[in-house]
Amino acid sequence: MWMADKWQDYELLDCGGGEKLERWGREILIRPDPQAIWETEHKDRLWQGANARYSRSATGGGHWDKKKLPDQWPIHYEELTFQVKPMNFKHTGLFPEQAANWEFAMEKIRQADRPIRVLNLFAYTGGATVACAAAGASVCHVDAAKGMVAWAKENARVSGLQDAPIRYIVDDCAKFVEREIRRGKRYDAIIMDPPSYGRGPSGEVWKLEENLYPFVKLCAGVLSDEPLFVILNSYTTGLAPSVLGYILQLLIGKSRGGRVTWDELGLPCRDSGMALPCGATGRWMSE
């Protein structure tokens, strides 16, 4: 398991009973988690003293029960800064386990000793965008949601990267890649963080199990002659990490060589000493 264990401003305090107790800076949140199905004794008093708890509704969706919580607040990961905001459907705008992938990408970019162009697809609020830009890459950030792209710009600004070479695009990711191929644009690294299900700005339907393989095949056509890495993420619990690795090997490794690895992403749990699984990642790298 690849662990995101270098955080100072985020901490998974405890988890169990389908929930997780987290510290986001000074704020304590309780959120549902489908992986934490074991029992916990709830010894930590913060289970009762959390600033907010997200409760699911029996009819679908859910809501936040807030005691005292700001609308948004900053948290830091090394030299990066992100704005956290409690959103609908339990999210905060950041997936802290992705720090393991940020570390990988930043190291590859810094070691490359040449200009690197990164394409970040389904880029959300820009965690990977900010990390890659901080490492010295130029980044094309693509997401279908206008609000998420605006949030990514804010994360870049608070990280001191407002003048970094980041191109922000609001578009359906597949359509954008198709146009980039026609235009002859190429990228040295690609990061893909597709949802299990979603809709594009024009109503395009995305279903991971049906669309992932042809989408990665499409993206392989926008890689440069000297590609550095490709990262493929999945939060679908039924999709094994090896599936992501095999897709990358078939569509990129077979023709480009290099090396493919895959694993779960995890967050260390302070109280139990266990690690909470938080999705799967496959990585292709040139060496």
C-alpha atoms as a PDB file:
ATOM      1  CA  MET A   1       0.000   0.000   0.000  1.00  0.00           C
ATOM      2  CA  TRP A   2       1.277   3.463  -0.912  1.00  0.00           C
ATOM      3  CA  MET A   3       0.849   5.564   2.202  1.00  0.00           C
ATOM      4  CA  ALA A   4       0.217   9.300   2.426  1.00  0.00           C
ATOM      5  CA  ASP A   5       2.098   9.577   5.714  1.00  0.00           C
ATOM      6  CA  LYS A   6       3.856  12.955   5.497  1.00  0.00           C
ATOM      7  CA  TRP A   7       0.895  15.150   6.394  1.00  0.00           C
ATOM      8  CA  GLN A   8       1.112  17.658   9.241  1.00  0.00           C
ATOM      9  CA  ASP A   9      -2.235  19.433   8.764  1.00  0.00           C
ATOM     10  CA  TYR A  10      -4.304  16.311   8.111  1.00  0.00           C
ATOM     11  CA  GLU A  11      -4.682  13.272  10.362  1.00  0.00           C
ATOM     12  CA  LEU A  12      -6.929  10.219  10.328  1.00  0.00           C
ATOM     13  CA  LEU A  13      -7.576   9.875  14.050  1.00  0.00           C
ATOM     14  CA  ASP A  14      -9.840   6.818  14.107  1.00  0.00           C
ATOM     15  CA  CYS A  15     -12.177   4.904  11.817  1.00  0.00           C
ATOM     16  CA  GLY A  16     -14.796   2.172  12.082  1.00  0.00           C
ATOM     17  CA  GLY A  17     -18.507   1.571  11.972  1.00  0.00           C
ATOM     18  CA  GLY A  18     -18.598   3.007   8.466  1.00  0.00           C
ATOM     19  CA  GLU A  19     -17.143   6.365   9.561  1.00  0.00           C
ATOM     20  CA  LYS A  20     -13.816   8.128   9.925  1.00  0.00           C
ATOM     21  CA  LEU A  21     -12.718  10.745  12.452  1.00  0.00           C
ATOM     22  CA  GLU A  22     -10.377  13.275  10.857  1.00  0.00           C
ATOM     23  CA  ARG A  23      -8.395  16.374  11.740  1.00  0.00           C
ATOM     24  CA  TRP A  24      -8.214  18.960   8.969  1.00  0.00           C
ATOM     25  CA  GLY A  25      -5.950  21.619  10.422  1.00  0.00           C
ATOM     26  CA  ARG A  26      -7.744  22.595  13.651  1.00  0.00           C
ATOM     27  CA  GLU A  27     -11.142  21.333  12.495  1.00  0.00           C
ATOM     28  CA  ILE A  28     -12.432  17.859  13.419  1.00  0.00           C
ATOM     29  CA  LEU A  29     -14.781  16.155  10.953  1.00  0.00           C
ATOM     30  CA  ILE A  30     -16.662  12.850  10.948  1.00  0.00           C
ATOM     31  CA  ARG A  31     -17.443  11.480   7.498  1.00  0.00           C
ATOM     32  CA  PRO A  32     -18.799   8.200   6.132  1.00  0.00           C
ATOM     33  CA  ASP A  33     -16.352   5.727   4.630  1.00  0.00           C
ATOM     34  CA  PRO A  34     -17.438   2.526   2.863  1.00  0.00           C
ATOM     35  CA  GLN A  35     -14.174   0.742   3.644  1.00  0.00           C
ATOM     36  CA  ALA A  36     -14.196   1.209   7.442  1.00  0.00           C
ATOM     37  CA  ILE A  37     -16.668  -1.621   8.135  1.00  0.00           C
ATOM     38  CA  TRP A  38     -14.928  -2.925  11.277  1.00  0.00           C
ATOM     39  CA  GLU A  39     -15.941  -1.819  14.757  1.00  0.00           C
ATOM     40  CA  THR A  40     -14.218   0.866  16.786  1.00  0.00           C
ATOM     41  CA  GLU A  41     -14.631   1.614  20.496  1.00  0.00           C
ATOM     42  CA  HIS A  42     -14.898   5.394  19.880  1.00  0.00           C
ATOM     43  CA  LYS A  43     -12.449   6.034  22.729  1.00  0.00           C
ATOM     44  CA  ASP A  44     -11.368   9.390  21.346  1.00  0.00           C
ATOM     45  CA  ARG A  45     -13.517  12.155  22.880  1.00  0.00           C
ATOM     46  CA  LEU A  46     -13.479  13.942  19.557  1.00  0.00           C
ATOM     47  CA  TRP A  47     -16.088  11.490  18.285  1.00  0.00           C
ATOM     48  CA  GLN A  48     -18.449  13.473  20.521  1.00  0.00           C
ATOM     49  CA  GLY A  49     -16.737  16.835  20.104  1.00  0.00           C
ATOM     50  CA  ALA A  50     -16.274  17.047  16.343  1.00  0.00           C
ATOM     51  CA  ASN A  51     -16.911  20.368  14.604  1.00  0.00           C
ATOM     52  CA  ALA A  52     -19.109  18.717  11.980  1.00  0.00           C
ATOM     53  CA  ARG A  53     -20.491  15.338  10.993  1.00  0.00           C
ATOM     54  CA  TYR A  54     -21.823  14.236   7.631  1.00  0.00           C
ATOM     55  CA  SER A  55     -24.864  11.993   8.008  1.00  0.00           C
ATOM     56  CA  ARG A  56     -26.295   9.974   5.159  1.00  0.00           C
ATOM     57  CA  SER A  57     -30.014  10.057   4.444  1.00  0.00           C
ATOM     58  CA  ALA A  58     -32.054   6.886   4.082  1.00  0.00           C
ATOM     59  CA  THR A  59     -33.506   8.340   0.887  1.00  0.00           C
ATOM     60  CA  GLY A  60     -30.091   9.121  -0.626  1.00  0.00           C
ATOM     61  CA  GLY A  61     -27.585  11.923  -0.233  1.00  0.00           C
ATOM     62  CA  GLY A  62     -27.094  13.382   3.208  1.00  0.00           C
ATOM     63  CA  HIS A  63     -26.279  16.545   5.129  1.00  0.00           C
ATOM     64  CA  TRP A  64     -23.709  18.171   7.389  1.00  0.00           C
ATOM     65  CA  ASP A  65     -24.487  18.660  11.080  1.00  0.00           C
ATOM     66  CA  LYS A  66     -22.233  21.553  12.017  1.00  0.00           C
ATOM     67  CA  LYS A  67     -21.400  22.905  15.461  1.00  0.00           C
ATOM     68  CA  LYS A  68     -18.790  25.542  14.790  1.00  0.00           C
ATOM     69  CA  LEU A  69     -17.058  25.330  11.438  1.00  0.00           C
ATOM     70  CA  PRO A  70     -15.749  28.007   9.062  1.00  0.00           C
ATOM     71  CA  ASP A  71     -17.026  28.061   5.496  1.00  0.00           C
ATOM     72  CA  GLN A  72     -13.484  27.343   4.336  1.00  0.00           C
ATOM     73  CA  TRP A  73      -9.979  27.201   5.766  1.00  0.00           C
ATOM     74  CA  PRO A  74      -6.429  26.496   4.546  1.00  0.00           C
ATOM     75  CA  ILE A  75      -4.380  23.368   5.186  1.00  0.00           C
ATOM     76  CA  HIS A  76      -0.781  22.790   4.198  1.00  0.00           C
ATOM     77  CA  TYR A  77       1.190  19.904   2.741  1.00  0.00           C
ATOM     78  CA  GLU A  78       4.884  20.753   2.736  1.00  0.00           C
ATOM     79  CA  GLU A  79       5.106  23.861   0.508  1.00  0.00           C
ATOM     80  CA  LEU A  80       1.585  23.456  -0.874  1.00  0.00           C
ATOM     81  CA  THR A  81      -1.581  25.103   0.466  1.00  0.00           C
ATOM     82  CA  PHE A  82      -5.185  24.103  -0.201  1.00  0.00           C
ATOM     83  CA  GLN A  83      -8.536  25.617   0.692  1.00  0.00           C
ATOM     84  CA  VAL A  84     -10.845  23.086   2.368  1.00  0.00           C
ATOM     85  CA  LYS A  85     -14.623  23.540   2.124  1.00  0.00           C
ATOM     86  CA  PRO A  86     -17.261  21.051   3.337  1.00  0.00           C
ATOM     87  CA  MET A  87     -19.329  20.184   0.274  1.00  0.00           C
ATOM     88  CA  ASN A  88     -22.377  18.154  -0.648  1.00  0.00           C
ATOM     89  CA  PHE A  89     -21.944  14.379  -0.596  1.00  0.00           C
ATOM     90  CA  LYS A  90     -19.396  14.445   2.265  1.00  0.00           C
ATOM     91  CA  HIS A  91     -16.474  15.890   0.291  1.00  0.00           C
ATOM     92  CA  THR A  92     -14.025  18.606   1.398  1.00  0.00           C
ATOM     93  CA  GLY A  93     -12.421  19.384  -1.961  1.00  0.00           C
ATOM     94  CA  LEU A  94      -9.289  17.368  -1.244  1.00  0.00           C
ATOM     95  CA  PHE A  95      -8.375  13.691  -1.139  1.00  0.00           C
ATOM     96  CA  PRO A  96      -5.449  13.535   1.323  1.00  0.00           C
ATOM     97  CA  GLU A  97      -4.367  10.032   0.249  1.00  0.00           C
ATOM     98  CA  GLN A  98      -3.411  11.510  -3.139  1.00  0.00           C
ATOM     99  CA  ALA A  99      -0.369  13.065  -1.469  1.00  0.00           C
ATOM    100  CA  ALA A 100       1.362   9.744  -2.209  1.00  0.00           C
ATOM    101  CA  ASN A 101       0.893  10.429  -5.918  1.00  0.00           C
ATOM    102  CA  TRP A 102       1.897  14.079  -5.545  1.00  0.00           C
ATOM    103  CA  GLU A 103       5.195  12.939  -4.037  1.00  0.00           C
ATOM    104  CA  PHE A 104       5.780  10.516  -6.908  1.00  0.00           C
ATOM    105  CA  ALA A 105       5.001  13.123  -9.579  1.00  0.00           C
ATOM    106  CA  MET A 106       7.076  15.873  -7.963  1.00  0.00           C
ATOM    107  CA  GLU A 107      10.093  13.608  -7.643  1.00  0.00           C
ATOM    108  CA  LYS A 108       9.882  12.497 -11.288  1.00  0.00           C
ATOM    109  CA  ILE A 109       9.518  16.076 -12.524  1.00  0.00           C
ATOM    110  CA  ARG A 110      12.448  17.350 -10.469  1.00  0.00           C
ATOM    111  CA  GLN A 111      14.681  14.472 -11.513  1.00  0.00           C
ATOM    112  CA  ALA A 112      13.884  14.874 -15.209  1.00  0.00           C
ATOM    113  CA  ASP A 113      16.206  17.881 -15.557  1.00  0.00           C
ATOM    114  CA  ARG A 114      14.206  19.162 -18.548  1.00  0.00           C
ATOM    115  CA  PRO A 115      10.967  21.051 -19.127  1.00  0.00           C
ATOM    116  CA  ILE A 116       7.985  18.805 -18.421  1.00  0.00           C
ATOM    117  CA  ARG A 117       4.427  19.319 -19.692  1.00  0.00           C
ATOM    118  CA  VAL A 118       1.724  17.674 -17.562  1.00  0.00           C
ATOM    119  CA  LEU A 119      -1.875  16.996 -18.562  1.00  0.00           C
ATOM    120  CA  ASN A 120      -4.139  16.642 -15.510  1.00  0.00           C
ATOM    121  CA  LEU A 121      -7.518  15.168 -16.496  1.00  0.00           C
ATOM    122  CA  PHE A 122     -10.602  15.098 -14.256  1.00  0.00           C
ATOM    123  CA  ALA A 123      -8.404  17.480 -12.308  1.00  0.00           C
ATOM    124  CA  TYR A 124     -10.988  18.493  -9.669  1.00  0.00           C
ATOM    125  CA  THR A 125      -9.649  21.202  -7.307  1.00  0.00           C
ATOM    126  CA  GLY A 126      -6.091  20.859  -8.520  1.00  0.00           C
ATOM    127  CA  GLY A 127      -4.150  18.943  -5.877  1.00  0.00           C
ATOM    128  CA  ALA A 128      -1.965  17.292  -8.515  1.00  0.00           C
ATOM    129  CA  THR A 129      -1.908  20.464 -10.613  1.00  0.00           C
ATOM    130  CA  VAL A 130      -0.471  22.504  -7.752  1.00  0.00           C
ATOM    131  CA  ALA A 131       2.027  19.765  -6.847  1.00  0.00           C
ATOM    132  CA  CYS A 132       3.342  19.433 -10.400  1.00  0.00           C
ATOM    133  CA  ALA A 133       3.542  23.207 -10.886  1.00  0.00           C
ATOM    134  CA  ALA A 134       5.440  23.552  -7.601  1.00  0.00           C
ATOM    135  CA  ALA A 135       7.936  20.978  -8.910  1.00  0.00           C
ATOM    136  CA  GLY A 136       8.556  23.116 -11.993  1.00  0.00           C
ATOM    137  CA  ALA A 137       6.259  21.619 -14.628  1.00  0.00           C
ATOM    138  CA  SER A 138       3.848  23.436 -16.900  1.00  0.00           C
ATOM    139  CA  VAL A 139       0.364  22.005 -16.382  1.00  0.00           C
ATOM    140  CA  CYS A 140      -2.842  21.788 -18.390  1.00  0.00           C
ATOM    141  CA  HIS A 141      -5.695  21.380 -15.902  1.00  0.00           C
ATOM    142  CA  VAL A 142      -8.947  19.980 -17.350  1.00  0.00           C
ATOM    143  CA  ASP A 143     -12.256  19.439 -15.566  1.00  0.00           C
ATOM    144  CA  ALA A 144     -15.870  19.585 -16.716  1.00  0.00           C
ATOM    145  CA  ALA A 145     -17.033  21.547 -13.648  1.00  0.00           C
ATOM    146  CA  LYS A 146     -16.478  25.316 -13.824  1.00  0.00           C
ATOM    147  CA  GLY A 147     -16.642  25.646 -10.042  1.00  0.00           C
ATOM    148  CA  MET A 148     -13.912  23.062  -9.510  1.00  0.00           C
ATOM    149  CA  VAL A 149     -11.621  24.825 -11.976  1.00  0.00           C
ATOM    150  CA  ALA A 150     -12.166  28.113 -10.119  1.00  0.00           C
ATOM    151  CA  TRP A 151     -11.314  26.333  -6.871  1.00  0.00           C
ATOM    152  CA  ALA A 152      -8.120  24.964  -8.449  1.00  0.00           C
ATOM    153  CA  LYS A 153      -7.102  28.500  -9.396  1.00  0.00           C
ATOM    154  CA  GLU A 154      -7.623  29.521  -5.775  1.00  0.00           C
ATOM    155  CA  ASN A 155      -5.459  26.622  -4.554  1.00  0.00           C
ATOM    156  CA  ALA A 156      -2.702  27.676  -6.927  1.00  0.00           C
ATOM    157  CA  ARG A 157      -2.969  31.261  -5.695  1.00  0.00           C
ATOM    158  CA  VAL A 158      -2.757  30.413  -1.999  1.00  0.00           C
ATOM    159  CA  SER A 159       0.231  28.164  -2.792  1.00  0.00           C
ATOM    160  CA  GLY A 160       1.996  31.167  -4.371  1.00  0.00           C
ATOM    161  CA  LEU A 161       1.647  29.694  -7.870  1.00  0.00           C
ATOM    162  CA  GLN A 162      -0.745  32.229  -9.393  1.00  0.00           C
ATOM    163  CA  ASP A 163       1.873  33.079 -12.044  1.00  0.00           C
ATOM    164  CA  ALA A 164       2.926  29.476 -12.702  1.00  0.00           C
ATOM    165  CA  PRO A 165       2.442  28.107 -16.241  1.00  0.00           C
ATOM    166  CA  ILE A 166      -0.951  26.497 -15.591  1.00  0.00           C
ATOM    167  CA  ARG A 167      -3.619  26.385 -18.302  1.00  0.00           C
ATOM    168  CA  TYR A 168      -7.154  25.917 -16.958  1.00  0.00           C
ATOM    169  CA  ILE A 169      -9.750  24.261 -19.210  1.00  0.00           C
ATOM    170  CA  VAL A 170     -13.460  23.673 -18.511  1.00  0.00           C
ATOM    171  CA  ASP A 171     -14.375  20.840 -20.865  1.00  0.00           C
ATOM    172  CA  ASP A 172     -15.227  17.176 -21.293  1.00  0.00           C
ATOM    173  CA  CYS A 173     -11.886  15.419 -20.900  1.00  0.00           C
ATOM    174  CA  ALA A 174     -12.235  12.997 -23.819  1.00  0.00           C
ATOM    175  CA  LYS A 175     -13.291  15.743 -26.229  1.00  0.00           C
ATOM    176  CA  PHE A 176     -10.403  17.918 -25.100  1.00  0.00           C
ATOM    177  CA  VAL A 177      -7.857  15.124 -25.638  1.00  0.00           C
ATOM    178  CA  GLU A 178      -9.289  14.438 -29.099  1.00  0.00           C
ATOM    179  CA  ARG A 179      -8.765  18.103 -30.030  1.00  0.00           C
ATOM    180  CA  GLU A 180      -5.239  18.129 -28.607  1.00  0.00           C
ATOM    181  CA  ILE A 181      -4.354  15.116 -30.757  1.00  0.00           C
ATOM    182  CA  ARG A 182      -5.713  16.851 -33.870  1.00  0.00           C
ATOM    183  CA  ARG A 183      -3.747  19.978 -32.960  1.00  0.00           C
ATOM    184  CA  GLY A 184      -0.550  17.965 -32.535  1.00  0.00           C
ATOM    185  CA  LYS A 185      -0.181  18.889 -28.855  1.00  0.00           C
ATOM    186  CA  ARG A 186       1.847  16.460 -26.738  1.00  0.00           C
ATOM    187  CA  TYR A 187       2.473  16.003 -23.016  1.00  0.00           C
ATOM    188  CA  ASP A 188       5.314  14.367 -21.108  1.00  0.00           C
ATOM    189  CA  ALA A 189       3.102  13.217 -18.226  1.00  0.00           C
ATOM    190  CA  ILE A 190      -0.609  12.480 -17.797  1.00  0.00           C
ATOM    191  CA  ILE A 191      -2.594  12.224 -14.575  1.00  0.00           C
ATOM    192  CA  MET A 192      -6.099  10.754 -14.778  1.00  0.00           C
ATOM    193  CA  ASP A 193      -8.492  10.794 -11.826  1.00  0.00           C
ATOM    194  CA  PRO A 194     -11.779   9.719 -13.402  1.00  0.00           C
ATOM    195  CA  PRO A 195     -15.028   9.404 -11.442  1.00  0.00           C
ATOM    196  CA  SER A 196     -17.006   6.187 -11.251  1.00  0.00           C
ATOM    197  CA  TYR A 197     -19.909   7.992 -12.892  1.00  0.00           C
ATOM    198  CA  GLY A 198     -20.320  11.504 -14.180  1.00  0.00           C
ATOM    199  CA  ARG A 199     -21.673  13.848 -16.811  1.00  0.00           C
ATOM    200  CA  GLY A 200     -19.788  16.287 -18.993  1.00  0.00           C
ATOM    201  CA  PRO A 201     -20.792  19.934 -19.536  1.00  0.00           C
ATOM    202  CA  SER A 202     -22.991  18.933 -22.509  1.00  0.00           C
ATOM    203  CA  GLY A 203     -24.579  15.960 -20.771  1.00  0.00           C
ATOM    204  CA  GLU A 204     -22.003  13.368 -21.834  1.00  0.00           C
ATOM    205  CA  VAL A 205     -22.317  10.253 -19.640  1.00  0.00           C
ATOM    206  CA  TRP A 206     -19.196   8.688 -18.142  1.00  0.00           C
ATOM    207  CA  LYS A 207     -19.255   5.156 -16.720  1.00  0.00           C
ATOM    208  CA  LEU A 208     -15.854   4.000 -15.496  1.00  0.00           C
ATOM    209  CA  GLU A 209     -16.136   0.297 -16.325  1.00  0.00           C
ATOM    210  CA  GLU A 210     -17.283   1.081 -19.877  1.00  0.00           C
ATOM    211  CA  ASN A 211     -15.195   4.139 -20.674  1.00  0.00           C
ATOM    212  CA  LEU A 212     -11.874   3.739 -18.857  1.00  0.00           C
ATOM    213  CA  TYR A 213     -10.036   1.450 -21.299  1.00  0.00           C
ATOM    214  CA  PRO A 214     -10.926   3.418 -24.463  1.00  0.00           C
ATOM    215  CA  PHE A 215     -10.207   6.665 -22.631  1.00  0.00           C
ATOM    216  CA  VAL A 216      -6.675   5.617 -21.608  1.00  0.00           C
ATOM    217  CA  LYS A 217      -6.153   4.348 -25.171  1.00  0.00           C
ATOM    218  CA  LEU A 218      -7.129   7.793 -26.427  1.00  0.00           C
ATOM    219  CA  CYS A 219      -4.802   9.528 -23.959  1.00  0.00           C
ATOM    220  CA  ALA A 220      -1.858   7.400 -25.076  1.00  0.00           C
ATOM    221  CA  GLY A 221      -2.078   9.320 -28.347  1.00  0.00           C
ATOM    222  CA  VAL A 222      -1.236  12.614 -26.685  1.00  0.00           C
ATOM    223  CA  LEU A 223       1.998  11.438 -25.024  1.00  0.00           C
ATOM    224  CA  SER A 224       5.234  13.045 -26.208  1.00  0.00           C
ATOM    225  CA  ASP A 225       8.175  11.219 -27.785  1.00  0.00           C
ATOM    226  CA  GLU A 226       9.904  11.245 -24.384  1.00  0.00           C
ATOM    227  CA  PRO A 227       7.114  10.591 -21.864  1.00  0.00           C
ATOM    228  CA  LEU A 228       7.962  10.641 -18.186  1.00  0.00           C
ATOM    229  CA  PHE A 229       5.010   9.085 -16.329  1.00  0.00           C
ATOM    230  CA  VAL A 230       1.282   8.332 -16.352  1.00  0.00           C
ATOM    231  CA  ILE A 231      -0.853   8.071 -13.208  1.00  0.00           C
ATOM    232  CA  LEU A 232      -4.283   6.418 -13.303  1.00  0.00           C
ATOM    233  CA  ASN A 233      -6.545   6.583 -10.232  1.00  0.00           C
ATOM    234  CA  SER A 234      -9.769   4.795  -9.340  1.00  0.00           C
ATOM    235  CA  TYR A 235     -12.092   5.105  -6.344  1.00  0.00           C
ATOM    236  CA  THR A 236     -14.415   2.326  -7.522  1.00  0.00           C
ATOM    237  CA  THR A 237     -14.215  -0.298  -4.784  1.00  0.00           C
ATOM    238  CA  GLY A 238     -14.806  -3.187  -7.166  1.00  0.00           C
ATOM    239  CA  LEU A 239     -11.847  -2.292  -9.403  1.00  0.00           C
ATOM    240  CA  ALA A 240      -8.581  -3.907  -8.281  1.00  0.00           C
ATOM    241  CA  PRO A 241      -5.276  -1.999  -8.517  1.00  0.00           C
ATOM    242  CA  SER A 242      -3.961  -4.669 -10.875  1.00  0.00           C
ATOM    243  CA  VAL A 243      -6.675  -3.755 -13.403  1.00  0.00           C
ATOM    244  CA  LEU A 244      -5.244  -0.232 -13.631  1.00  0.00           C
ATOM    245  CA  GLY A 245      -1.752  -1.653 -13.992  1.00  0.00           C
ATOM    246  CA  TYR A 246      -2.775  -4.014 -16.778  1.00  0.00           C
ATOM    247  CA  ILE A 247      -4.505  -1.203 -18.660  1.00  0.00           C
ATOM    248  CA  LEU A 248      -1.354   0.924 -18.474  1.00  0.00           C
ATOM    249  CA  GLN A 249       0.851  -1.993 -19.514  1.00  0.00           C
ATOM    250  CA  LEU A 250      -1.319  -2.889 -22.509  1.00  0.00           C
ATOM    251  CA  LEU A 251      -1.860   0.645 -23.749  1.00  0.00           C
ATOM    252  CA  ILE A 252       1.432   2.352 -22.850  1.00  0.00           C
ATOM    253  CA  GLY A 253       4.059  -0.050 -21.536  1.00  0.00           C
ATOM    254  CA  LYS A 254       3.732  -2.462 -24.465  1.00  0.00           C
ATOM    255  CA  SER A 255       4.740   0.206 -26.983  1.00  0.00           C
ATOM    256  CA  ARG A 256       6.792   2.576 -24.813  1.00  0.00           C
ATOM    257  CA  GLY A 257       8.675   0.161 -22.547  1.00  0.00           C
ATOM    258  CA  GLY A 258       9.362   1.499 -19.089  1.00  0.00           C
ATOM    259  CA  ARG A 259       7.819   0.062 -15.955  1.00  0.00           C
ATOM    260  CA  VAL A 260       4.296  -0.288 -14.546  1.00  0.00           C
ATOM    261  CA  THR A 261       3.417  -0.548 -10.853  1.00  0.00           C
ATOM    262  CA  TRP A 262       0.103  -0.561  -9.014  1.00  0.00           C
ATOM    263  CA  ASP A 263      -1.193  -0.597  -5.459  1.00  0.00           C
ATOM    264  CA  GLU A 264      -3.822   0.717  -3.074  1.00  0.00           C
ATOM    265  CA  LEU A 265      -3.546   4.207  -1.637  1.00  0.00           C
ATOM    266  CA  GLY A 266      -3.851   4.416   2.130  1.00  0.00           C
ATOM    267  CA  LEU A 267      -3.998   6.733   5.122  1.00  0.00           C
ATOM    268  CA  PRO A 268      -2.416   5.699   8.434  1.00  0.00           C
ATOM    269  CA  CYS A 269      -4.929   5.570  11.290  1.00  0.00           C
ATOM    270  CA  ARG A 270      -3.510   7.007  14.522  1.00  0.00           C
ATOM    271  CA  ASP A 271      -5.610   5.113  17.068  1.00  0.00           C
ATOM    272  CA  SER A 272      -5.661   1.630  15.540  1.00  0.00           C
ATOM    273  CA  GLY A 273      -2.287   1.592  13.797  1.00  0.00           C
ATOM    274  CA  MET A 274      -4.028   0.208  10.717  1.00  0.00           C
ATOM    275  CA  ALA A 275      -4.225   1.841   7.306  1.00  0.00           C
ATOM    276  CA  LEU A 276      -7.504   2.861   5.692  1.00  0.00           C
ATOM    277  CA  PRO A 277      -7.691   1.851   1.999  1.00  0.00           C
ATOM    278  CA  CYS A 278      -8.627   4.864  -0.107  1.00  0.00           C
ATOM    279  CA  GLY A 279      -8.687   3.690  -3.700  1.00  0.00           C
ATOM    280  CA  ALA A 280      -6.309   2.266  -6.277  1.00  0.00           C
ATOM    281  CA  THR A 281      -3.565   3.705  -8.442  1.00  0.00           C
ATOM    282  CA  GLY A 282      -1.574   2.471 -11.399  1.00  0.00           C
ATOM    283  CA  ARG A 283       1.646   4.184 -12.473  1.00  0.00           C
ATOM    284  CA  TRP A 284       3.616   3.912 -15.696  1.00  0.00           C
ATOM    285  CA  MET A 285       7.082   5.414 -15.685  1.00  0.00           C
ATOM    286  CA  SER A 286       9.744   5.631 -18.368  1.00  0.00           C
ATOM    287  CA  GLU A 287      12.415   4.191 -16.068  1.00  0.00           C
END
